[in-house]
Protein backbone atom coordinates (compact mmCIF):
# COMPACT_ATOMS: atom_id res chain seq x y z
CA MET A 1 -8.02 -10.55 20.46
CA LYS A 2 -10.18 -11.73 17.34
CA LEU A 3 -6.41 -12.78 15.83
CA ALA A 4 -5.83 -14.69 19.18
CA GLN A 5 -9.46 -16.23 19.11
CA LYS A 6 -8.91 -17.32 15.88
CA ILE A 7 -5.49 -19.31 15.91
CA TYR A 8 -6.50 -20.86 19.61
CA LEU A 9 -9.35 -22.18 17.10
CA TYR A 10 -7.93 -23.54 14.53
CA LEU A 11 -4.76 -25.27 17.12
CA GLY A 12 -7.10 -26.16 18.81
CA CYS A 13 -9.31 -27.96 16.26
CA ILE A 14 -6.35 -29.17 15.24
CA PHE A 15 -5.18 -31.04 18.14
CA ILE A 16 -8.62 -32.19 18.46
CA VAL A 17 -8.48 -34.31 15.22
CA ALA A 18 -4.88 -35.57 16.37
CA MET A 19 -5.56 -36.86 19.63
CA THR A 20 -8.96 -38.59 18.07
CA ILE A 21 -6.89 -39.82 15.21
CA PHE A 22 -4.19 -40.95 18.05
CA GLY A 23 -7.05 -42.41 20.91
CA VAL A 24 -8.52 -44.24 18.01
CA PHE A 25 -5.15 -45.98 16.96
CA SER A 26 -4.64 -46.20 20.84
CA TYR A 27 -8.18 -47.78 21.31
CA GLN A 28 -7.55 -50.60 18.30
CA ARG A 29 -3.45 -51.16 19.90
CA GLU A 30 -5.01 -51.57 23.08
CA SER A 31 -7.83 -54.10 21.74
CA VAL A 32 -5.22 -56.30 20.17
CA GLU A 33 -2.91 -55.96 23.09
CA LEU A 34 -5.46 -56.92 25.53
CA GLU A 35 -6.33 -59.99 23.54
CA THR A 36 -3.11 -60.84 22.84
CA ASP A 37 -2.23 -61.00 26.65
CA THR A 38 -5.42 -62.72 26.89
CA ILE A 39 -4.20 -65.28 24.74
CA HIS A 40 -1.15 -65.47 26.16
CA ASP A 41 -3.17 -65.91 29.90
CA VAL A 42 -5.35 -68.63 28.67
CA VAL A 43 -2.63 -70.90 26.64
CA VAL A 44 0.32 -70.15 29.52
CA LEU A 45 -3.65 -71.48 32.15
CA GLY A 46 -4.04 -73.98 30.32
CA ARG A 47 -1.21 -75.92 29.04
CA GLY A 48 -0.66 -75.86 33.38
CA PHE A 49 -4.18 -77.40 33.93
CA ALA A 50 -4.29 -79.66 31.41
CA ALA A 51 -1.14 -81.10 32.68
CA ALA A 52 -2.68 -80.90 36.39
CA VAL A 53 -6.05 -82.41 35.08
CA SER A 54 -4.02 -85.29 33.57
CA HIS A 55 -2.13 -85.68 36.20
CA VAL A 56 -5.17 -86.34 38.83
CA TRP A 57 -7.06 -88.22 36.06
CA LEU A 58 -4.41 -90.88 35.33
CA SER A 59 -3.83 -91.33 39.32
CA ASN A 60 -7.32 -90.35 41.05
CA GLY A 61 -9.92 -91.04 38.49
CA GLU A 62 -12.16 -89.06 36.13
CA GLU A 63 -14.53 -88.18 39.32
CA ARG A 64 -11.42 -86.56 40.91
CA ALA A 65 -10.37 -84.77 38.21
CA MET A 66 -14.18 -83.36 37.09
CA LYS A 67 -14.26 -82.02 40.31
CA ILE A 68 -11.13 -80.01 40.42
CA ILE A 69 -12.77 -78.74 37.06
CA HIS A 70 -15.61 -77.95 38.49
CA ASP A 71 -13.90 -76.24 41.52
CA VAL A 72 -11.96 -73.90 39.48
CA ASN A 73 -14.96 -72.49 37.49
CA ASN A 74 -16.49 -71.03 41.30
CA GLY A 75 -13.57 -68.88 41.48
CA LYS A 76 -13.73 -65.40 40.38
CA PHE A 77 -11.66 -65.68 37.36
CA HIS A 78 -12.74 -64.49 33.81
CA ILE A 79 -11.85 -67.51 32.36
CA LYS A 80 -13.98 -70.37 32.37
CA VAL A 81 -12.72 -73.88 32.17
CA ARG A 82 -14.72 -77.05 30.88
CA TRP A 83 -14.06 -80.59 30.05
CA VAL A 84 -15.15 -81.52 26.40
CA TRP A 85 -15.34 -84.87 24.54
CA LEU A 86 -14.07 -84.74 20.92
CA ASP A 87 -15.57 -87.27 19.51
CA ASP A 88 -19.31 -87.28 20.62
CA THR A 89 -21.89 -83.79 20.35
CA SER A 90 -24.84 -85.82 21.81
CA VAL A 91 -24.67 -84.75 25.63
CA PRO A 92 -24.49 -80.41 25.48
CA ARG A 93 -22.74 -80.11 28.96
CA PHE A 94 -19.16 -81.74 27.28
CA CYS A 95 -20.19 -80.77 23.55
CA PRO A 96 -17.61 -78.18 22.46
CA GLN A 97 -18.55 -74.01 21.68
CA VAL A 98 -17.00 -74.41 18.29
CA ASP A 99 -17.00 -76.41 14.57
CA ARG A 100 -15.91 -80.12 15.28
CA ARG A 101 -14.37 -79.56 12.02
CA VAL A 102 -12.05 -77.21 13.12
CA LEU A 103 -10.49 -79.55 16.42
CA ARG A 104 -9.29 -81.88 14.36
CA ASN A 105 -6.53 -80.18 14.08
CA LEU A 106 -5.59 -81.32 17.80
CA GLU A 107 -4.49 -84.40 16.45
CA VAL A 108 -1.29 -82.98 15.26
CA LEU A 109 -1.16 -79.83 17.43
CA PRO A 110 -0.35 -79.48 21.04
CA PHE A 111 -3.68 -76.58 21.58
CA LEU A 112 -6.11 -74.70 19.32
CA ILE A 113 -7.25 -70.99 19.81
CA ALA A 114 -10.86 -70.13 17.86
CA ARG A 115 -13.53 -68.05 17.82
CA GLY A 116 -16.91 -68.29 18.74
CA CYS A 117 -19.88 -67.98 21.12
CA ARG A 118 -20.83 -69.09 24.37
CA LEU A 119 -23.93 -70.68 25.30
CA ASN A 120 -24.88 -67.34 26.50
CA GLY A 121 -24.34 -65.85 23.45
CA GLN A 122 -21.42 -63.44 24.26
CA ASP A 123 -18.38 -63.71 21.80
CA ALA A 124 -15.39 -65.25 23.62
CA ILE A 125 -12.15 -66.90 22.27
CA PHE A 126 -11.62 -70.41 23.49
CA ALA A 127 -8.80 -72.76 23.77
CA TYR A 128 -8.66 -76.19 23.78
CA PHE A 129 -5.83 -78.61 25.01
CA PRO A 130 -5.98 -82.43 24.43
CA VAL A 131 -5.96 -84.11 27.63
CA ARG A 132 -4.46 -87.78 28.32
CA THR A 133 -6.45 -89.87 30.43
CA THR A 134 -7.36 -93.63 31.12
CA SER A 135 -10.27 -93.60 28.40
CA SER A 136 -10.47 -94.57 25.19
CA ARG A 137 -12.55 -91.57 24.25
CA PRO A 138 -10.06 -88.25 23.33
CA GLY A 139 -11.28 -85.64 25.46
CA ALA A 140 -9.43 -81.89 26.10
CA LEU A 141 -10.29 -79.14 28.09
CA GLU A 142 -11.72 -75.72 27.18
CA LEU A 143 -10.59 -72.73 28.25
CA SER A 144 -12.56 -69.51 27.29
CA ALA A 145 -12.37 -65.79 27.72
CA SER A 146 -15.07 -63.38 26.98
CA LEU A 147 -14.08 -60.61 24.75
CA ASN A 148 -17.05 -58.72 26.72
CA TYR A 149 -14.90 -58.35 29.15
CA LEU A 150 -12.11 -57.21 26.74
CA HIS A 151 -14.31 -54.64 25.29
CA ARG A 152 -15.42 -53.10 28.45
CA GLN A 153 -11.50 -52.95 29.51
CA SER A 154 -11.10 -50.81 26.27
CA ARG A 155 -13.69 -48.76 26.77
CA VAL A 156 -12.45 -48.24 30.07
CA ASN A 157 -9.03 -47.19 28.46
CA ALA A 158 -10.78 -44.95 26.22
CA TRP A 159 -12.42 -42.95 28.40
CA ARG A 160 -9.70 -42.29 30.66
CA LEU A 161 -7.18 -41.83 27.48
CA SER A 162 -10.62 -39.07 26.53
CA LEU A 163 -10.13 -37.48 30.51
CA VAL A 164 -6.25 -36.75 29.68
CA VAL A 165 -7.03 -35.55 26.00
CA VAL A 166 -9.98 -33.09 27.41
CA LEU A 167 -7.18 -32.23 30.54
CA LEU A 168 -4.53 -31.24 27.96
CA LEU A 169 -6.88 -29.36 25.72
CA VAL A 170 -8.01 -27.00 28.91
CA ALA A 171 -4.48 -26.74 29.54
CA VAL A 172 -2.82 -25.90 26.18
CA GLY A 173 -5.74 -24.01 25.56
CA LEU A 174 -5.56 -21.33 28.67
CA LEU A 175 -1.82 -21.66 27.98
CA MET A 176 -2.36 -20.58 24.06
CA TRP A 177 -5.33 -18.15 25.33
CA HIS A 178 -2.57 -16.10 27.77
CA VAL A 179 0.47 -16.40 25.00
CA GLY A 180 -1.96 -15.44 22.24
CA GLN A 181 -3.12 -12.56 24.29
CA ARG A 182 -0.17 -11.21 24.99
CA MET A 183 2.38 -11.80 21.63
CA VAL A 184 -0.91 -11.38 19.84
CA GLY A 185 -4.04 -10.03 21.21
CA GLN A 186 -2.85 -6.87 23.16
CA ARG A 187 -0.18 -6.07 20.24
CA MET A 188 -2.34 -5.81 17.41
CA GLN A 189 -5.05 -4.33 19.72
CA GLN A 190 -1.36 -1.19 19.97
CA LEU A 191 -1.61 -1.72 16.43
CA VAL A 192 -5.20 -0.97 15.85
CA ARG A 193 -5.31 2.10 18.13
CA PHE A 194 -2.14 3.68 16.29
CA ALA A 195 -3.53 3.07 12.97
CA ARG A 196 -7.14 5.00 14.21
CA GLN A 197 -5.15 7.77 15.48
CA LEU A 198 -3.19 8.24 11.82
CA GLY A 199 -6.46 7.81 10.37
CA GLN A 200 -7.54 11.23 12.49
CA GLY A 201 -4.66 12.51 11.52
CA GLN A 202 -2.32 12.44 14.55
CA LEU A 203 0.93 11.67 12.16
CA ASP A 204 3.19 12.82 15.03
CA ASN A 205 2.62 9.40 17.59
CA ARG A 206 4.74 6.50 17.35
CA LEU A 207 4.44 2.95 18.43
CA CYS A 208 6.97 1.00 19.30
CA LEU A 209 6.48 -2.70 19.70
CA GLU A 210 9.36 -5.28 20.75
CA GLY A 211 9.83 -8.33 19.02
CA ASP A 212 11.58 -10.18 16.45
CA ASP A 213 8.17 -11.31 14.15
CA GLU A 214 5.86 -9.77 11.87
CA ILE A 215 4.03 -7.56 14.34
CA ALA A 216 6.99 -5.82 15.23
CA ASP A 217 7.99 -5.17 11.36
CA LEU A 218 4.74 -4.10 11.14
CA CYS A 219 4.87 -1.43 13.88
CA LEU A 220 7.96 -0.47 12.26
CA GLU A 221 6.41 0.12 8.69
CA MET A 222 3.69 1.61 10.36
CA ASN A 223 6.05 4.17 12.17
CA GLN A 224 7.68 4.90 9.31
CA MET A 225 4.41 5.55 7.07
CA ALA A 226 3.38 8.04 10.01
CA GLU A 227 6.87 9.74 9.59
CA GLN A 228 6.27 9.85 5.14
CA LEU A 229 2.84 11.16 6.50
CA GLN A 230 3.53 13.74 8.27
CA GLU A 231 6.22 15.00 5.89
CA ALA A 232 3.78 14.73 3.01
CA LYS A 233 1.14 16.49 5.03
CA GLU A 234 4.17 19.43 6.15
CA HIS A 235 5.17 19.90 2.13
CA LEU A 236 1.29 20.01 1.18
CA LEU A 237 0.61 22.66 4.00
CA SER A 238 3.87 25.02 2.84
CA GLU A 239 2.17 24.62 -0.77
CA ASN A 240 -0.74 25.39 -0.05
CA GLU A 241 0.35 28.40 1.88
CA ALA A 242 2.31 29.80 -0.93
CA ARG A 243 -0.66 29.05 -3.55
CA ILE A 244 -3.03 30.47 -1.00
CA ALA A 245 -0.39 33.66 -0.87
CA THR A 246 -0.16 33.48 -4.66
CA LEU A 247 -4.02 33.45 -5.56
CA GLU A 248 -4.85 36.07 -2.90
CA GLN A 249 -2.02 38.29 -4.95
CA LEU A 250 -3.61 37.07 -7.88
CA ARG A 251 -7.25 38.67 -6.70
CA HIS A 252 -5.58 41.85 -5.24
CA THR A 253 -4.37 42.41 -8.70
CA GLU A 254 -7.27 41.54 -10.34
CA ARG A 255 -8.64 44.60 -7.89
CA LEU A 256 -6.92 47.29 -8.49
CA VAL A 257 -7.11 46.44 -12.59
CA THR A 258 -10.62 47.21 -11.75
CA LEU A 259 -10.02 49.74 -9.55
CA GLY A 260 -7.83 51.47 -12.45
CA LYS A 261 -11.08 50.49 -14.81
CA LEU A 262 -12.85 53.02 -12.49
CA SER A 263 -10.43 55.07 -11.91
CA SER A 264 -12.29 57.74 -14.41
CA GLY A 265 -15.72 57.23 -12.58
CA LEU A 266 -14.02 58.14 -9.74
CA ALA A 267 -12.28 61.47 -10.92
CA HIS A 268 -15.87 62.47 -12.28
CA GLU A 269 -17.93 61.63 -8.74
CA LEU A 270 -15.69 63.03 -6.51
CA GLY A 271 -15.54 66.50 -9.62
CA THR A 272 -19.22 67.10 -9.08
CA PRO A 273 -19.09 67.63 -4.92
CA LEU A 274 -15.60 69.28 -5.29
CA ASN A 275 -17.30 71.97 -8.09
CA VAL A 276 -20.25 72.43 -5.48
CA ILE A 277 -18.07 72.80 -2.05
CA SER A 278 -15.23 74.71 -4.43
CA GLY A 279 -18.66 77.63 -5.28
CA ARG A 280 -20.34 77.33 -1.90
CA ALA A 281 -16.85 78.32 0.11
CA ARG A 282 -17.22 81.24 -2.74
CA LEU A 283 -20.64 81.84 -1.90
CA ILE A 284 -18.99 82.30 2.09
CA GLU A 285 -16.57 84.46 1.27
CA ASP A 286 -19.10 87.44 0.59
CA GLU A 287 -19.35 89.20 3.61
CA ASP A 288 -22.69 90.65 2.35
CA MET A 289 -24.02 87.09 3.11
CA GLU A 290 -26.81 86.63 5.70
CA HIS A 291 -26.53 84.53 8.72
CA ASP A 292 -29.25 81.99 7.48
CA GLU A 293 -27.41 81.23 4.01
CA VAL A 294 -24.13 81.05 5.31
CA VAL A 295 -25.53 78.34 7.81
CA GLU A 296 -27.08 76.47 4.26
CA ASN A 297 -23.67 76.82 2.49
CA ALA A 298 -21.80 75.15 5.07
CA ALA A 299 -24.34 72.39 5.59
CA ILE A 300 -24.12 72.03 2.17
CA ILE A 301 -20.31 71.62 2.12
CA ARG A 302 -20.88 69.05 4.81
CA GLN A 303 -23.01 67.26 2.63
CA GLN A 304 -20.91 67.29 -0.49
CA THR A 305 -17.83 66.43 1.98
CA GLU A 306 -19.26 63.58 3.25
CA ARG A 307 -20.20 62.42 -0.35
CA VAL A 308 -16.53 62.37 -1.34
CA THR A 309 -15.62 60.91 1.91
CA ARG A 310 -17.92 57.95 1.29
CA ILE A 311 -16.45 57.23 -2.56
CA ILE A 312 -13.46 57.36 -1.37
CA ARG A 313 -13.66 55.22 1.48
CA GLN A 314 -15.34 52.47 -0.88
CA MET A 315 -12.78 52.92 -3.39
CA LEU A 316 -10.14 52.34 -0.62
CA ASP A 317 -12.19 48.83 0.87
CA TYR A 318 -12.77 47.54 -2.72
CA ALA A 319 -8.69 48.64 -2.82
CA ARG A 320 -7.59 47.12 0.00
CA ARG A 321 -5.45 43.83 0.30
CA THR A 322 -7.04 41.92 3.56
CA SER A 323 -7.10 38.32 4.86
CA PRO A 324 -10.41 36.69 4.04
CA GLN A 325 -12.32 36.33 6.99
CA ARG A 326 -15.98 35.84 6.93
CA THR A 327 -19.00 37.70 8.26
CA ARG A 328 -22.38 37.97 8.30
CA VAL A 329 -23.46 40.26 5.38
CA ASN A 330 -26.47 41.40 4.17
CA LEU A 331 -26.57 40.68 0.00
CA ARG A 332 -28.32 43.48 -0.73
CA GLU A 333 -26.54 45.80 0.96
CA LEU A 334 -23.60 44.88 -0.82
CA ILE A 335 -24.99 44.74 -4.28
CA GLU A 336 -26.07 48.05 -3.82
CA GLN A 337 -22.62 49.81 -3.01
CA VAL A 338 -21.01 47.63 -5.49
CA VAL A 339 -23.83 49.65 -8.28
CA VAL A 340 -22.91 53.15 -6.62
CA ILE A 341 -19.06 52.10 -7.46
CA LEU A 342 -20.22 51.38 -11.55
CA GLN A 343 -23.11 53.99 -11.83
CA HIS A 344 -20.89 56.28 -13.46
CA ASN A 345 -19.05 53.66 -15.31
CA ALA A 346 -22.61 52.45 -16.72
CA ARG A 347 -23.88 56.23 -17.01
CA LYS A 348 -20.86 56.78 -19.42
CA GLN A 349 -21.65 53.59 -21.34
CA ALA A 350 -25.80 54.37 -21.51
CA VAL A 351 -26.20 51.58 -19.27
CA GLU A 352 -29.06 51.09 -17.31
CA ILE A 353 -28.03 49.28 -14.05
CA VAL A 354 -31.46 47.49 -12.24
CA VAL A 355 -31.53 45.74 -8.93
CA SER A 356 -34.67 43.31 -8.68
CA GLY A 357 -35.55 40.55 -6.71
CA LEU A 358 -35.68 40.34 -3.01
CA ILE A 359 -35.73 44.19 -1.59
CA GLU A 360 -37.67 43.82 2.38
CA LYS A 361 -36.16 40.20 3.20
CA ALA A 362 -32.40 40.16 1.54
CA PRO A 363 -30.93 37.06 2.38
CA GLU A 364 -27.85 37.40 4.85
CA ILE A 365 -25.20 34.80 4.79
CA PHE A 366 -21.95 34.19 6.31
CA VAL A 367 -19.21 34.98 3.75
CA ASP A 368 -16.19 36.85 3.31
CA TYR A 369 -17.59 40.68 2.42
CA GLY A 370 -14.53 41.84 0.39
CA GLN A 371 -14.22 38.39 -1.37
CA ILE A 372 -17.82 38.35 -2.46
CA GLN A 373 -18.00 41.96 -3.39
CA GLN A 374 -15.10 41.58 -6.26
CA VAL A 375 -17.42 38.50 -7.12
CA VAL A 376 -20.31 40.46 -8.00
CA THR A 377 -18.27 43.38 -9.26
CA ASN A 378 -16.52 41.34 -11.92
CA LEU A 379 -19.16 40.02 -13.09
CA LEU A 380 -20.88 43.21 -13.43
CA MET A 381 -17.94 44.58 -15.38
CA ASN A 382 -18.08 41.95 -17.62
CA GLY A 383 -21.63 42.85 -18.76
CA LEU A 384 -20.70 46.56 -19.27
CA GLN A 385 -18.26 45.35 -21.46
CA ALA A 386 -20.20 43.32 -23.60
CA MET A 387 -22.64 46.09 -23.92
CA PRO A 388 -20.35 49.12 -25.32
CA GLN A 389 -23.13 50.38 -27.36
CA GLY A 390 -25.71 50.55 -24.25
CA GLY A 391 -28.22 48.43 -22.87
CA ARG A 392 -29.38 47.07 -19.64
CA LEU A 393 -27.78 45.41 -16.90
CA GLU A 394 -29.75 43.50 -14.09
CA ILE A 395 -28.62 42.02 -10.70
CA ARG A 396 -31.47 39.84 -9.67
CA LEU A 397 -31.25 38.30 -5.73
CA THR A 398 -33.14 34.95 -5.31
CA VAL A 399 -33.19 31.84 -2.72
CA GLY A 400 -34.04 28.45 -3.50
CA VAL A 401 -32.99 25.06 -3.32
CA TYR A 402 -30.73 23.69 -5.63
CA SER A 403 -28.49 20.67 -6.81
CA PRO A 404 -24.41 21.37 -7.71
CA PRO A 405 -24.40 20.78 -11.78
CA ALA A 406 -23.44 17.51 -12.93
CA ALA A 407 -22.99 15.94 -8.92
CA GLY A 408 -26.76 14.13 -8.77
CA HIS A 409 -25.40 12.47 -5.30
CA TYR A 410 -25.70 15.71 -3.80
CA LYS A 411 -28.71 16.53 -1.64
CA PRO A 412 -30.29 19.84 -2.91
CA VAL A 413 -29.24 22.76 -0.59
CA PRO A 414 -31.45 26.13 0.05
CA CYS A 415 -28.81 28.78 -1.92
CA ALA A 416 -29.12 32.43 -1.78
CA VAL A 417 -28.72 32.78 -5.86
CA ILE A 418 -27.22 36.55 -7.63
CA MET A 419 -28.11 36.67 -11.84
CA VAL A 420 -26.16 38.77 -13.54
CA LEU A 421 -27.76 39.86 -17.15
CA ASP A 422 -27.14 41.73 -19.85
CA ASN A 423 -28.51 42.35 -23.02
CA GLY A 424 -25.26 41.75 -25.06
CA PRO A 425 -24.34 39.79 -28.31
CA GLY A 426 -24.47 36.55 -25.64
CA LEU A 427 -21.91 33.99 -25.61
CA ALA A 428 -20.34 31.85 -28.46
CA ASP A 429 -20.26 28.04 -27.74
CA GLU A 430 -16.38 27.93 -27.87
CA VAL A 431 -16.67 30.94 -25.34
CA LEU A 432 -19.07 28.94 -23.45
CA GLU A 433 -16.42 26.30 -22.84
CA ARG A 434 -13.76 27.80 -21.58
CA VAL A 435 -15.02 31.28 -19.61
CA PHE A 436 -13.89 30.16 -16.28
CA GLU A 437 -10.45 29.23 -17.57
CA PRO A 438 -7.66 31.33 -16.31
CA PHE A 439 -6.01 33.69 -18.34
CA TYR A 440 -8.39 32.97 -21.14
CA THR A 441 -10.26 36.09 -22.47
CA THR A 442 -11.99 37.30 -25.76
CA LYS A 443 -10.51 40.93 -25.21
CA GLY A 444 -7.90 42.22 -27.15
CA VAL A 445 -4.31 42.76 -25.91
CA GLY A 446 -4.23 44.98 -22.34
CA GLN A 447 -8.16 45.41 -22.33
CA GLY A 448 -8.03 42.45 -19.70
CA THR A 449 -6.31 39.70 -17.97
CA GLY A 450 -8.90 36.57 -17.91
CA LEU A 451 -8.07 36.31 -14.76
CA GLY A 452 -11.55 38.05 -13.74
CA LEU A 453 -14.18 35.38 -13.87
CA SER A 454 -11.39 32.47 -12.70
CA ILE A 455 -11.01 34.21 -9.92
CA ALA A 456 -14.95 34.28 -9.36
CA ARG A 457 -15.59 31.02 -9.49
CA GLU A 458 -12.66 29.80 -7.03
CA ILE A 459 -14.13 32.54 -4.59
CA VAL A 460 -17.66 31.41 -4.81
CA VAL A 461 -16.30 27.67 -4.98
CA GLU A 462 -14.21 28.66 -1.40
CA HIS A 463 -17.57 29.66 -0.34
CA GLY A 464 -19.05 25.73 -1.00
CA GLY A 465 -20.87 27.42 -3.83
CA TRP A 466 -20.51 27.30 -7.76
CA ILE A 467 -21.61 29.78 -10.59
CA THR A 468 -22.40 29.18 -14.27
CA ALA A 469 -22.44 30.91 -17.27
CA ALA A 470 -25.32 30.52 -20.33
CA ASN A 471 -26.74 32.29 -23.01
CA ILE A 472 -30.36 33.90 -22.20
CA GLU A 473 -32.70 31.46 -23.84
CA GLY A 474 -35.09 33.21 -26.68
CA GLU A 475 -33.16 36.59 -26.33
CA THR A 476 -29.72 38.20 -26.60
CA GLY A 477 -27.43 38.33 -23.90
CA ALA A 478 -26.07 36.22 -21.52
CA CYS A 479 -26.60 35.00 -18.00
CA PHE A 480 -23.94 34.27 -14.95
CA THR A 481 -25.20 32.82 -11.95
CA VAL A 482 -23.57 32.56 -8.76
CA TYR A 483 -24.81 29.98 -6.04
CA LEU A 484 -24.09 30.79 -2.45
CA PRO A 485 -25.34 28.20 0.43
CA LEU A 486 -27.28 29.31 2.76
CA GLU A 487 -25.61 28.37 6.70
CA GLU A 488 -27.69 25.89 8.52
CA GLY A 489 -30.47 27.12 10.46
CA ASN A 490 -31.98 29.41 8.50
CA ASP A 491 -35.53 29.38 7.63
CA GLU A 492 -36.25 26.94 4.79
CA ALA A 493 -36.25 28.48 1.32
CA PRO A 494 -38.63 28.77 -0.98
CA ARG A 495 -38.20 26.17 -3.93
CA ASN A 496 -37.41 28.22 -7.11
CA ASP A 497 -37.91 26.90 -10.45
CA SER A 498 -36.61 29.74 -12.48
């Protein structure tokens, strides 16, 4: 509609300018034509009336001729007639109203046309016709037509023309508005709605506009663009699905690699309760055992069986490949379960695993349990591998308000923070720059895939967070920090400047 209004405004301005120019020229032309017609009328009337006055003067005398001239002026004609003497200006009544020097040409001309001013101050056209009389003095008829009458008539015609122009402008404007609304306004509104639908992702819609103009061509191009976007969207969806499937396979593979590293610890963890179960079962086989002792041994066997079941279930849960599914997770419980799985490997390497930070009021966040479990496991395994001669591995859980690194335009957000600190040799500068790159590893051949930290970072990013790696200032060792945004609606987290 706005385009139609602009077209109407531009064409209306052009029409007004054109009609104004036409009106000015018409006004000037009509003024000239009216003046020419008036002069013609004066000449025709003057010739005839001069002949009549000359005849009356010659036949009936001067008095009769003057009376005829006087009677003519009593009519309602806009042309006034006077008798003037050409040789004397002493009597104003018979004095010409133009310069006498101009009238000298009457000696050789049948009549004379000149411009001048009447006695009442009005501009007028004067015509002088010599009249043959009985007097020896030269005389003439003076006919004058007021130019004010001509101007008034021109103004009337100009007003009529202006009225016609206004009516034409209104009629043409209404016609242009109707045509513009149908041919431009409505069609452009349909294109705007269609473009909005495309912007909202409704790529399966199509628009059909009839016509053989630029708007119809634009509609055709937008339909083709929608088809191309839909094809590109479907292609991206298929590629994304393939990427997700590949990524999930890599994640599962990394979990199995980690599980393989934990297998020795699993065997040891299961060996102890199995030995207890076997020994207690042999004691029960002794027929001399009292009833109370049998009940006690049976209870011990049940406890150890539950312990074995719990260890196996944890291992199976870690190794099982599941589709991503977010639930509300208590991070403290998740961390403790990972520590249980890694506890034997830590003891075997003389590494002490310490859990610190929030204990009583651990944050609950909406995440995929298995994926965050894999992140924590990868970071702890990385810390254990950094301390083959033993040491201290701390996993610290806090809450604070942070901004993503190198993204100052983002607002700070409350986050649950998981820090894994070791007192190993730390990370070299070149390692820090590439530590999260896929397949990058400092371990020997067959000791690592180089995917653990890369997969951990990708999982954290998918959860809206970020992960950093740095060396501990003033001490030996490295620190990996995971930031997981808390969902909206949680209580405001305290500011943590550590």
